[in-house]
């Protein structure tokens, strides 16, 4: 897509050097704004320490009959399970893991939509 000397390539705004000169943008401004954009993108990708801890606990406690839905920023684990026994097993395992380390919010289990 082209807009008056501007192009969007793979979701990034690309400014034609002639257009940048016409707009009075210096090379330093262009490089700085690109660097700032990359910095903001990297911030959005990183997990919180609580999320990292929750993912590590899930790796130890998940079962074949459950599915991780998401991990909130505060470390709360949201998962789907098929039977009440599966849910209880996972919650108990996560509670035991919490005794050996920092606490996280109570996990939340959901039954599958339209499931048994």
C-alpha atoms as a PDB file:
ATOM      1  CA  UNK A   1       0.000   0.000   0.000  1.00  0.00           C
ATOM      2  CA  UNK A   2       1.347   3.455  -0.902  1.00  0.00           C
ATOM      3  CA  UNK A   3       0.399   6.779   0.646  1.00  0.00           C
ATOM      4  CA  UNK A   4       2.211   9.885  -0.600  1.00  0.00           C
ATOM      5  CA  UNK A   5       5.725   8.485  -0.365  1.00  0.00           C
ATOM      6  CA  UNK A   6       4.905   6.197   2.553  1.00  0.00           C
ATOM      7  CA  UNK A   7       4.663   2.441   2.269  1.00  0.00           C
ATOM      8  CA  UNK A   8       3.419  -0.217   4.631  1.00  0.00           C
ATOM      9  CA  UNK A   9       5.555  -3.339   4.271  1.00  0.00           C
ATOM     10  CA  UNK A  10       4.817  -6.358   6.466  1.00  0.00           C
ATOM     11  CA  UNK A  11       3.006  -4.141   8.953  1.00  0.00           C
ATOM     12  CA  UNK A  12       5.845  -1.609   9.234  1.00  0.00           C
ATOM     13  CA  UNK A  13       5.677   1.966   8.009  1.00  0.00           C
ATOM     14  CA  UNK A  14       8.472   2.595   5.520  1.00  0.00           C
ATOM     15  CA  UNK A  15       9.281   6.192   4.606  1.00  0.00           C
ATOM     16  CA  UNK A  16      10.820   6.927   1.243  1.00  0.00           C
ATOM     17  CA  UNK A  17      14.091   8.890   1.769  1.00  0.00           C
ATOM     18  CA  UNK A  18      12.882  11.662  -0.585  1.00  0.00           C
ATOM     19  CA  UNK A  19       9.662  11.973   1.381  1.00  0.00           C
ATOM     20  CA  UNK A  20      11.581  12.063   4.668  1.00  0.00           C
ATOM     21  CA  UNK A  21      13.760  14.891   3.342  1.00  0.00           C
ATOM     22  CA  UNK A  22      10.678  16.776   2.123  1.00  0.00           C
ATOM     23  CA  UNK A  23       9.045  16.376   5.538  1.00  0.00           C
ATOM     24  CA  UNK A  24      12.214  17.659   7.230  1.00  0.00           C
ATOM     25  CA  UNK A  25      12.914  14.389   9.019  1.00  0.00           C
ATOM     26  CA  UNK A  26      16.536  13.756   9.781  1.00  0.00           C
ATOM     27  CA  UNK A  27      18.221  10.388   9.728  1.00  0.00           C
ATOM     28  CA  UNK A  28      18.633  10.490  13.516  1.00  0.00           C
ATOM     29  CA  UNK A  29      14.894  11.019  14.010  1.00  0.00           C
ATOM     30  CA  UNK A  30      14.071   8.146  11.674  1.00  0.00           C
ATOM     31  CA  UNK A  31      16.560   5.765  13.310  1.00  0.00           C
ATOM     32  CA  UNK A  32      15.471   6.827  16.793  1.00  0.00           C
ATOM     33  CA  UNK A  33      11.802   6.280  16.057  1.00  0.00           C
ATOM     34  CA  UNK A  34      12.513   2.849  14.576  1.00  0.00           C
ATOM     35  CA  UNK A  35      14.583   1.915  17.633  1.00  0.00           C
ATOM     36  CA  UNK A  36      11.824   3.099  19.955  1.00  0.00           C
ATOM     37  CA  UNK A  37       9.283   1.028  18.013  1.00  0.00           C
ATOM     38  CA  UNK A  38      11.449  -2.080  18.364  1.00  0.00           C
ATOM     39  CA  UNK A  39      11.854  -1.404  22.081  1.00  0.00           C
ATOM     40  CA  UNK A  40       8.095  -1.143  22.583  1.00  0.00           C
ATOM     41  CA  UNK A  41       7.568  -4.340  20.593  1.00  0.00           C
ATOM     42  CA  UNK A  42      10.053  -6.211  22.790  1.00  0.00           C
ATOM     43  CA  UNK A  43       8.298  -4.985  25.937  1.00  0.00           C
ATOM     44  CA  UNK A  44       5.002  -6.427  24.746  1.00  0.00           C
ATOM     45  CA  UNK A  45       6.511  -9.874  24.186  1.00  0.00           C
ATOM     46  CA  UNK A  46       8.203 -10.488  27.551  1.00  0.00           C
ATOM     47  CA  UNK A  47       6.442 -12.442  30.325  1.00  0.00           C
ATOM     48  CA  UNK A  48       6.204 -11.235  33.888  1.00  0.00           C
ATOM     49  CA  UNK A  49       8.125 -13.239  36.528  1.00  0.00           C
ATOM     50  CA  UNK A  50       4.771 -14.528  37.805  1.00  0.00           C
ATOM     51  CA  UNK A  51       3.863 -15.786  34.322  1.00  0.00           C
ATOM     52  CA  UNK A  52       7.213 -17.553  33.981  1.00  0.00           C
ATOM     53  CA  UNK A  53       6.640 -19.250  37.341  1.00  0.00           C
ATOM     54  CA  UNK A  54       3.088 -20.244  36.357  1.00  0.00           C
ATOM     55  CA  UNK A  55       4.271 -21.738  33.040  1.00  0.00           C
ATOM     56  CA  UNK A  56       6.945 -23.738  34.888  1.00  0.00           C
ATOM     57  CA  UNK A  57       4.352 -25.084  37.329  1.00  0.00           C
ATOM     58  CA  UNK A  58       1.941 -25.911  34.522  1.00  0.00           C
ATOM     59  CA  UNK A  59       4.684 -27.884  32.760  1.00  0.00           C
ATOM     60  CA  UNK A  60       4.976 -30.077  35.883  1.00  0.00           C
ATOM     61  CA  UNK A  61       1.253 -30.409  36.591  1.00  0.00           C
ATOM     62  CA  UNK A  62      -0.619 -30.537  33.287  1.00  0.00           C
ATOM     63  CA  UNK A  63      -2.283 -33.728  32.146  1.00  0.00           C
ATOM     64  CA  UNK A  64      -3.286 -35.101  28.761  1.00  0.00           C
ATOM     65  CA  UNK A  65      -6.946 -34.366  29.507  1.00  0.00           C
ATOM     66  CA  UNK A  66      -6.452 -30.654  30.213  1.00  0.00           C
ATOM     67  CA  UNK A  67      -5.564 -27.626  28.117  1.00  0.00           C
ATOM     68  CA  UNK A  68      -3.902 -24.411  29.193  1.00  0.00           C
ATOM     69  CA  UNK A  69      -6.102 -21.488  28.116  1.00  0.00           C
ATOM     70  CA  UNK A  70      -3.924 -18.616  29.326  1.00  0.00           C
ATOM     71  CA  UNK A  71      -1.736 -17.279  32.111  1.00  0.00           C
ATOM     72  CA  UNK A  72      -2.679 -13.811  33.369  1.00  0.00           C
ATOM     73  CA  UNK A  73      -0.061 -11.153  34.135  1.00  0.00           C
ATOM     74  CA  UNK A  74      -0.351 -11.921  37.858  1.00  0.00           C
ATOM     75  CA  UNK A  75       0.374 -15.632  37.224  1.00  0.00           C
ATOM     76  CA  UNK A  76      -3.209 -16.928  37.462  1.00  0.00           C
ATOM     77  CA  UNK A  77      -3.505 -20.140  35.422  1.00  0.00           C
ATOM     78  CA  UNK A  78      -6.700 -20.585  33.394  1.00  0.00           C
ATOM     79  CA  UNK A  79      -7.237 -24.095  32.022  1.00  0.00           C
ATOM     80  CA  UNK A  80      -9.888 -26.391  30.550  1.00  0.00           C
ATOM     81  CA  UNK A  81     -10.480 -29.917  31.856  1.00  0.00           C
ATOM     82  CA  UNK A  82     -12.707 -32.840  30.897  1.00  0.00           C
ATOM     83  CA  UNK A  83     -13.632 -34.414  34.238  1.00  0.00           C
ATOM     84  CA  UNK A  84     -13.886 -33.113  37.790  1.00  0.00           C
ATOM     85  CA  UNK A  85     -11.147 -35.575  38.783  1.00  0.00           C
ATOM     86  CA  UNK A  86      -8.784 -34.020  36.236  1.00  0.00           C
ATOM     87  CA  UNK A  87      -9.478 -30.560  37.611  1.00  0.00           C
ATOM     88  CA  UNK A  88      -8.886 -31.683  41.202  1.00  0.00           C
ATOM     89  CA  UNK A  89      -5.624 -33.414  40.252  1.00  0.00           C
ATOM     90  CA  UNK A  90      -4.243 -30.300  38.547  1.00  0.00           C
ATOM     91  CA  UNK A  91      -5.343 -27.909  41.314  1.00  0.00           C
ATOM     92  CA  UNK A  92      -3.779 -30.186  43.944  1.00  0.00           C
ATOM     93  CA  UNK A  93      -0.500 -30.435  42.017  1.00  0.00           C
ATOM     94  CA  UNK A  94      -0.354 -26.638  41.598  1.00  0.00           C
ATOM     95  CA  UNK A  95      -1.067 -26.170  45.322  1.00  0.00           C
ATOM     96  CA  UNK A  96       1.807 -28.518  46.210  1.00  0.00           C
ATOM     97  CA  UNK A  97       4.122 -26.620  43.871  1.00  0.00           C
ATOM     98  CA  UNK A  98       3.103 -23.354  45.582  1.00  0.00           C
ATOM     99  CA  UNK A  99       4.303 -24.679  48.941  1.00  0.00           C
ATOM    100  CA  UNK A 100       7.851 -24.916  47.587  1.00  0.00           C
ATOM    101  CA  UNK A 101       7.920 -21.419  46.124  1.00  0.00           C
ATOM    102  CA  UNK A 102       6.235 -18.049  45.882  1.00  0.00           C
ATOM    103  CA  UNK A 103       2.420 -18.102  45.890  1.00  0.00           C
ATOM    104  CA  UNK A 104       0.353 -17.394  42.793  1.00  0.00           C
ATOM    105  CA  UNK A 105      -3.365 -16.610  42.505  1.00  0.00           C
ATOM    106  CA  UNK A 106      -5.762 -19.555  42.671  1.00  0.00           C
ATOM    107  CA  UNK A 107      -5.946 -21.402  39.307  1.00  0.00           C
ATOM    108  CA  UNK A 108      -9.264 -21.387  37.464  1.00  0.00           C
ATOM    109  CA  UNK A 109     -10.526 -24.448  35.591  1.00  0.00           C
ATOM    110  CA  UNK A 110     -13.298 -24.464  32.976  1.00  0.00           C
ATOM    111  CA  UNK A 111     -15.310 -27.337  31.548  1.00  0.00           C
ATOM    112  CA  UNK A 112     -15.147 -27.571  27.749  1.00  0.00           C
ATOM    113  CA  UNK A 113     -17.894 -25.655  25.962  1.00  0.00           C
ATOM    114  CA  UNK A 114     -20.651 -28.116  25.086  1.00  0.00           C
ATOM    115  CA  UNK A 115     -18.660 -30.919  26.730  1.00  0.00           C
ATOM    116  CA  UNK A 116     -19.706 -33.557  29.274  1.00  0.00           C
END
